C-alpha atoms as a PDB file:
ATOM      1  CA  SER A   1      17.099   0.555 -19.995  1.00  0.00           C
ATOM      2  CA  GLN A   2      15.737   2.955 -17.418  1.00  0.00           C
ATOM      3  CA  ALA A   3      12.786   3.767 -19.684  1.00  0.00           C
ATOM      4  CA  VAL A   4      11.746   0.092 -19.839  1.00  0.00           C
ATOM      5  CA  ARG A   5      12.158  -0.366 -16.067  1.00  0.00           C
ATOM      6  CA  ASP A   6      10.068   2.746 -15.459  1.00  0.00           C
ATOM      7  CA  ASP A   7       7.396   1.587 -17.920  1.00  0.00           C
ATOM      8  CA  VAL A   8       7.119  -1.842 -16.290  1.00  0.00           C
ATOM      9  CA  ALA A   9       6.933  -0.314 -12.805  1.00  0.00           C
ATOM     10  CA  ASP A  10       4.357   2.243 -13.921  1.00  0.00           C
ATOM     11  CA  ARG A  11       2.193  -0.515 -15.401  1.00  0.00           C
ATOM     12  CA  LEU A  12       2.557  -2.667 -12.261  1.00  0.00           C
ATOM     13  CA  VAL A  13       1.325   0.164 -10.047  1.00  0.00           C
ATOM     14  CA  LYS A  14      -1.585   1.014 -12.331  1.00  0.00           C
ATOM     15  CA  LEU A  15      -2.565  -2.661 -12.618  1.00  0.00           C
ATOM     16  CA  LYS A  16      -2.578  -3.252  -8.852  1.00  0.00           C
ATOM     17  CA  LEU A  17      -4.602  -0.107  -8.233  1.00  0.00           C
ATOM     18  CA  LYS A  18      -7.044  -1.048 -11.005  1.00  0.00           C
ATOM     19  CA  GLU A  19      -7.448  -4.487  -9.427  1.00  0.00           C
ATOM     20  CA  MET A  20      -8.076  -3.001  -5.987  1.00  0.00           C
ATOM     21  CA  PHE A  21     -10.275  -0.053  -6.884  1.00  0.00           C
ATOM     22  CA  GLY A  22     -11.716  -0.826 -10.305  1.00  0.00           C
ATOM     23  CA  TRP A  23     -12.226  -4.563 -10.504  1.00  0.00           C
ATOM     24  CA  LYS A  24     -12.416  -5.049  -6.699  1.00  0.00           C
ATOM     25  CA  PHE A  25     -10.750  -8.400  -7.356  1.00  0.00           C
ATOM     26  CA  LEU A  26      -7.013  -8.910  -7.279  1.00  0.00           C
ATOM     27  CA  ASN A  27      -4.241 -11.388  -7.674  1.00  0.00           C
ATOM     28  CA  ALA A  28      -3.171 -12.112  -4.098  1.00  0.00           C
ATOM     29  CA  ASP A  29       0.212 -13.505  -5.152  1.00  0.00           C
ATOM     30  CA  PRO A  30       1.900 -10.519  -6.822  1.00  0.00           C
ATOM     31  CA  HIS A  31       5.448 -11.872  -7.161  1.00  0.00           C
ATOM     32  CA  MET A  32       7.337 -11.006 -10.341  1.00  0.00           C
ATOM     33  CA  GLY A  33       6.893 -14.519 -11.740  1.00  0.00           C
ATOM     34  CA  ASN A  34       3.160 -13.809 -12.040  1.00  0.00           C
ATOM     35  CA  PHE A  35       3.663 -10.932 -14.470  1.00  0.00           C
ATOM     36  CA  VAL A  36       4.849 -10.935 -18.058  1.00  0.00           C
ATOM     37  CA  TYR A  37       5.918  -7.856 -19.993  1.00  0.00           C
ATOM     38  CA  ASN A  38       5.909  -7.687 -23.781  1.00  0.00           C
ATOM     39  CA  SER A  39       8.553  -5.129 -24.747  1.00  0.00           C
ATOM     40  CA  VAL A  40       7.216  -4.899 -28.320  1.00  0.00           C
ATOM     41  CA  THR A  41       3.596  -4.101 -27.417  1.00  0.00           C
ATOM     42  CA  LYS A  42       4.551  -2.595 -24.042  1.00  0.00           C
ATOM     43  CA  LYS A  43       1.775  -4.557 -22.385  1.00  0.00           C
ATOM     44  CA  LEU A  44       1.869  -6.151 -18.975  1.00  0.00           C
ATOM     45  CA  GLY A  45       0.155  -9.497 -18.516  1.00  0.00           C
ATOM     46  CA  LEU A  46      -0.989 -11.156 -15.335  1.00  0.00           C
ATOM     47  CA  LEU A  47      -0.466 -14.879 -14.828  1.00  0.00           C
ATOM     48  CA  ASP A  48      -1.640 -17.423 -12.265  1.00  0.00           C
ATOM     49  CA  TYR A  49      -5.098 -16.704 -10.965  1.00  0.00           C
ATOM     50  CA  GLY A  50      -4.856 -19.444  -8.347  1.00  0.00           C
ATOM     51  CA  SER A  51      -4.798 -17.001  -5.469  1.00  0.00           C
ATOM     52  CA  CYS A  52      -7.263 -14.162  -5.933  1.00  0.00           C
ATOM     53  CA  LYS A  53      -9.238 -12.113  -3.454  1.00  0.00           C
ATOM     54  CA  GLU A  54     -12.322  -9.946  -3.645  1.00  0.00           C
ATOM     55  CA  MET A  55     -11.767  -6.445  -2.333  1.00  0.00           C
ATOM     56  CA  ASP A  56     -14.006  -4.156  -0.360  1.00  0.00           C
ATOM     57  CA  ALA A  57     -13.420  -1.022  -2.454  1.00  0.00           C
ATOM     58  CA  GLY A  58     -14.690   1.245   0.316  1.00  0.00           C
ATOM     59  CA  LEU A  59     -12.231  -0.136   2.822  1.00  0.00           C
ATOM     60  CA  ALA A  60      -9.447  -0.056   0.212  1.00  0.00           C
ATOM     61  CA  LYS A  61     -10.201   3.632  -0.430  1.00  0.00           C
ATOM     62  CA  GLY A  62     -10.067   4.299   3.283  1.00  0.00           C
ATOM     63  CA  VAL A  63      -6.688   2.589   3.551  1.00  0.00           C
ATOM     64  CA  ALA A  64      -5.499   4.615   0.548  1.00  0.00           C
ATOM     65  CA  ARG A  65      -6.615   7.824   2.284  1.00  0.00           C
ATOM     66  CA  PHE A  66      -4.676   6.699   5.359  1.00  0.00           C
ATOM     67  CA  MET A  67      -1.565   6.084   3.197  1.00  0.00           C
ATOM     68  CA  LEU A  68      -1.907   9.538   1.627  1.00  0.00           C
ATOM     69  CA  ALA A  69      -2.365  11.140   5.048  1.00  0.00           C
ATOM     70  CA  CYS A  70       0.792   9.429   6.305  1.00  0.00           C
ATOM     71  CA  ALA A  71       2.758  10.359   3.174  1.00  0.00           C
ATOM     72  CA  ASP A  72       1.617  13.960   3.575  1.00  0.00           C
ATOM     73  CA  GLY A  73       2.550  13.999   7.270  1.00  0.00           C
ATOM     74  CA  ASP A  74      -1.079  14.621   8.215  1.00  0.00           C
ATOM     75  CA  ARG A  75      -1.394  12.868  11.559  1.00  0.00           C
ATOM     76  CA  ALA A  76      -4.843  14.330  12.214  1.00  0.00           C
ATOM     77  CA  ALA A  77      -6.240  12.807   8.993  1.00  0.00           C
ATOM     78  CA  ALA A  78      -4.625   9.452   9.771  1.00  0.00           C
ATOM     79  CA  ASP A  79      -6.095   9.468  13.286  1.00  0.00           C
ATOM     80  CA  ALA A  80      -9.496  10.500  11.893  1.00  0.00           C
ATOM     81  CA  TRP A  81      -9.448   7.475   9.601  1.00  0.00           C
ATOM     82  CA  PHE A  82      -8.671   5.195  12.545  1.00  0.00           C
ATOM     83  CA  GLU A  83     -11.525   6.722  14.500  1.00  0.00           C
ATOM     84  CA  ALA A  84     -13.954   6.405  11.560  1.00  0.00           C
ATOM     85  CA  GLU A  85     -13.063   2.724  11.260  1.00  0.00           C
ATOM     86  CA  GLY A  86     -13.738   2.238  14.956  1.00  0.00           C
ATOM     87  CA  VAL A  87     -10.160   1.693  16.042  1.00  0.00           C
ATOM     88  CA  VAL A  88      -9.754   2.978  19.558  1.00  0.00           C
ATOM     89  CA  GLN A  89      -6.499   3.801  21.263  1.00  0.00           C
ATOM     90  CA  GLU A  90      -6.189   3.615  24.966  1.00  0.00           C
ATOM     91  CA  ALA A  91      -4.271   6.423  26.636  1.00  0.00           C
ATOM     92  CA  ASP A  92      -1.324   4.094  27.265  1.00  0.00           C
ATOM     93  CA  GLU A  93      -1.193   3.229  23.555  1.00  0.00           C
ATOM     94  CA  ALA A  94      -0.346   6.754  22.388  1.00  0.00           C
ATOM     95  CA  ALA A  95       3.245   5.670  21.768  1.00  0.00           C
ATOM     96  CA  TRP A  96       1.933   2.970  19.436  1.00  0.00           C
ATOM     97  CA  GLY A  97       0.059   5.642  17.465  1.00  0.00           C
ATOM     98  CA  ASP A  98       3.256   7.693  17.133  1.00  0.00           C
ATOM     99  CA  GLN A  99       5.250   4.657  16.016  1.00  0.00           C
ATOM    100  CA  ILE A 100       2.719   3.349  13.517  1.00  0.00           C
ATOM    101  CA  PHE A 101       2.261   6.822  12.011  1.00  0.00           C
ATOM    102  CA  ALA A 102       6.023   7.351  11.634  1.00  0.00           C
ATOM    103  CA  TYR A 103       6.440   3.851  10.198  1.00  0.00           C
ATOM    104  CA  ASN A 104       3.649   4.359   7.654  1.00  0.00           C
ATOM    105  CA  ALA A 105       4.845   7.866   6.761  1.00  0.00           C
ATOM    106  CA  HIS A 106       8.196   6.325   5.868  1.00  0.00           C
ATOM    107  CA  LEU A 107       6.683   3.294   4.168  1.00  0.00           C
ATOM    108  CA  TRP A 108       4.268   5.220   1.915  1.00  0.00           C
ATOM    109  CA  GLN A 109       6.450   8.253   1.183  1.00  0.00           C
ATOM    110  CA  MET A 110       6.209   7.607  -2.578  1.00  0.00           C
ATOM    111  CA  PHE A 111       2.655   8.952  -2.388  1.00  0.00           C
ATOM    112  CA  GLY A 112       3.758  12.239  -0.784  1.00  0.00           C
ATOM    113  CA  SER A 113       4.780  14.079  -3.937  1.00  0.00           C
ATOM    114  CA  ASP A 114       3.773  14.462  -7.566  1.00  0.00           C
ATOM    115  CA  ALA A 115       7.447  14.236  -8.593  1.00  0.00           C
ATOM    116  CA  PRO A 116       9.031  10.993  -9.821  1.00  0.00           C
ATOM    117  CA  PHE A 117       9.968   8.886  -6.808  1.00  0.00           C
ATOM    118  CA  ASP A 118      13.324   7.084  -6.620  1.00  0.00           C
ATOM    119  CA  PHE A 119      12.128   3.616  -5.671  1.00  0.00           C
ATOM    120  CA  PHE A 120      15.633   2.147  -5.662  1.00  0.00           C
ATOM    121  CA  ALA A 121      16.912   4.606  -3.040  1.00  0.00           C
ATOM    122  CA  TRP A 122      13.819   3.826  -0.940  1.00  0.00           C
ATOM    123  CA  TYR A 123      14.288   0.091  -1.508  1.00  0.00           C
ATOM    124  CA  GLN A 124      17.880   0.267  -0.260  1.00  0.00           C
ATOM    125  CA  ASP A 125      16.929   2.220   2.849  1.00  0.00           C
ATOM    126  CA  PRO A 126      18.052   0.222   5.907  1.00  0.00           C
ATOM    127  CA  LYS A 127      14.654   0.819   7.533  1.00  0.00           C
ATOM    128  CA  LEU A 128      13.054  -1.159   4.703  1.00  0.00           C
ATOM    129  CA  GLN A 129      15.685  -3.870   4.316  1.00  0.00           C
ATOM    130  CA  GLY A 130      14.038  -5.703   7.193  1.00  0.00           C
ATOM    131  CA  PHE A 131      10.604  -5.434   5.578  1.00  0.00           C
ATOM    132  CA  LYS A 132       9.499  -8.853   6.811  1.00  0.00           C
ATOM    133  CA  GLN A 133      10.337  -7.868  10.365  1.00  0.00           C
ATOM    134  CA  ASN A 134       8.488  -4.597   9.801  1.00  0.00           C
ATOM    135  CA  VAL A 135       5.436  -6.520   8.588  1.00  0.00           C
ATOM    136  CA  GLU A 136       5.609  -8.704  11.700  1.00  0.00           C
ATOM    137  CA  TYR A 137       5.885  -5.549  13.824  1.00  0.00           C
ATOM    138  CA  GLN A 138       2.929  -3.967  12.061  1.00  0.00           C
ATOM    139  CA  ASN A 139       0.865  -7.159  12.385  1.00  0.00           C
ATOM    140  CA  GLU A 140       1.641  -7.227  16.097  1.00  0.00           C
ATOM    141  CA  ALA A 141       0.803  -3.537  16.441  1.00  0.00           C
ATOM    142  CA  TRP A 142      -2.493  -3.913  14.565  1.00  0.00           C
ATOM    143  CA  SER A 143      -3.423  -6.926  16.666  1.00  0.00           C
ATOM    144  CA  LYS A 144      -3.095  -4.812  19.816  1.00  0.00           C
ATOM    145  CA  GLN A 145      -5.714  -2.364  18.614  1.00  0.00           C
ATOM    146  CA  LYS A 146      -9.247  -2.608  19.849  1.00  0.00           C
ATOM    147  CA  VAL A 147     -12.196  -2.278  17.525  1.00  0.00           C
ATOM    148  CA  ALA A 148     -15.065  -0.339  19.029  1.00  0.00           C
ATOM    149  CA  GLU A 149     -18.401  -2.086  19.360  1.00  0.00           C
ATOM    150  CA  GLY A 150     -20.514  -1.392  16.283  1.00  0.00           C
ATOM    151  CA  ALA A 151     -17.491  -0.372  14.174  1.00  0.00           C
ATOM    152  CA  PRO A 152     -18.165  -0.409  10.422  1.00  0.00           C
ATOM    153  CA  ASN A 153     -15.575  -3.115   9.797  1.00  0.00           C
ATOM    154  CA  ALA A 154     -15.408  -5.563  12.671  1.00  0.00           C
ATOM    155  CA  LEU A 155     -12.937  -7.694  10.679  1.00  0.00           C
ATOM    156  CA  MET A 156     -10.914  -4.771   9.419  1.00  0.00           C
ATOM    157  CA  LYS A 157      -7.507  -5.746  10.745  1.00  0.00           C
ATOM    158  CA  PRO A 158      -6.877  -8.704   8.415  1.00  0.00           C
ATOM    159  CA  GLU A 159      -8.345  -6.859   5.433  1.00  0.00           C
ATOM    160  CA  ILE A 160      -6.203  -3.794   6.089  1.00  0.00           C
ATOM    161  CA  LEU A 161      -3.085  -5.920   6.340  1.00  0.00           C
ATOM    162  CA  LEU A 162      -3.916  -7.659   3.050  1.00  0.00           C
ATOM    163  CA  ILE A 163      -4.500  -4.377   1.229  1.00  0.00           C
ATOM    164  CA  THR A 164      -1.244  -2.887   2.472  1.00  0.00           C
ATOM    165  CA  GLU A 165       0.732  -6.071   1.867  1.00  0.00           C
ATOM    166  CA  TYR A 166      -0.419  -6.468  -1.751  1.00  0.00           C
ATOM    167  CA  LEU A 167       0.297  -2.858  -2.582  1.00  0.00           C
ATOM    168  CA  MET A 168       3.628  -2.963  -0.760  1.00  0.00           C
ATOM    169  CA  GLN A 169       4.723  -5.957  -2.845  1.00  0.00           C
ATOM    170  CA  ILE A 170       4.258  -3.850  -5.982  1.00  0.00           C
ATOM    171  CA  MET A 171       6.197  -0.946  -4.444  1.00  0.00           C
ATOM    172  CA  LEU A 172       9.040  -3.341  -3.608  1.00  0.00           C
ATOM    173  CA  HIS A 173       9.012  -4.572  -7.228  1.00  0.00           C
ATOM    174  CA  CYS A 174       9.366  -0.937  -8.310  1.00  0.00           C
ATOM    175  CA  GLY A 175      12.447  -0.746  -6.081  1.00  0.00           C
ATOM    176  CA  ARG A 176      13.932  -3.892  -7.585  1.00  0.00           C
ATOM    177  CA  LEU A 177      13.313  -2.404 -11.035  1.00  0.00           C
ATOM    178  CA  LYS A 178      15.153   0.782  -9.932  1.00  0.00           C
ATOM    179  CA  ALA A 179      12.167   2.767 -11.133  1.00  0.00           C
ATOM    180  CA  LYS A 180      11.876   6.534 -10.928  1.00  0.00           C
ATOM    181  CA  ILE A 181       8.214   7.239 -11.490  1.00  0.00           C
ATOM    182  CA  PRO A 182       5.476   9.427 -10.018  1.00  0.00           C
ATOM    183  CA  VAL A 183       2.719   7.376  -8.359  1.00  0.00           C
ATOM    184  CA  ARG A 184       0.750   9.818  -6.210  1.00  0.00           C
ATOM    185  CA  LYS A 185      -1.528  10.728  -9.117  1.00  0.00           C
ATOM    186  CA  TYR A 186      -2.619   7.096  -9.512  1.00  0.00           C
ATOM    187  CA  LEU A 187      -3.548   6.660  -5.861  1.00  0.00           C
ATOM    188  CA  LEU A 188      -5.369  10.003  -5.817  1.00  0.00           C
ATOM    189  CA  ALA A 189      -7.329   9.033  -8.938  1.00  0.00           C
ATOM    190  CA  ALA A 190      -8.266   5.682  -7.377  1.00  0.00           C
ATOM    191  CA  VAL A 191      -9.479   7.334  -4.187  1.00  0.00           C
ATOM    192  CA  GLU A 192     -11.481   9.949  -6.076  1.00  0.00           C
ATOM    193  CA  ALA A 193     -13.104   7.476  -8.509  1.00  0.00           C
END
């Protein structure tokens, strides 16, 4: 039923955010086979701890702020986060900044409203059907960025990609579940904790 799909998706999102921001340790292989849902107790279990990663909660919160800025259409806040992390854009890379902002605004739109988000409609969007190509594009775009000397996170590019990839896997699961749930409140709570 829709209620069960929504409950599972809601629990998946809360679990991934709790891993990232609360425990600072997460399952780095979040495919659906690594979760079990008990429909009687309405509990979600996590299986297979063979691939886990420690998280830098500060960096994860920064990435979450970037996602919220993109979802809200706040280019200035997104650019400020880049600058705070020491990512510098050359004048000839301004088009990259426009593209990566537009891409992330589309990708993280579920965080742009307090209303229930239709994950299935988002999941079926042609722009997201080629998600693997989009990830390759984003990886290529990130790799072109320069990190300023003395930046707070000299190794930020791989960490940022991991944070976004793990969270995106959960969002894609929500799409497969055809969930219609609000998720902004969870990300805001994680950032403010």
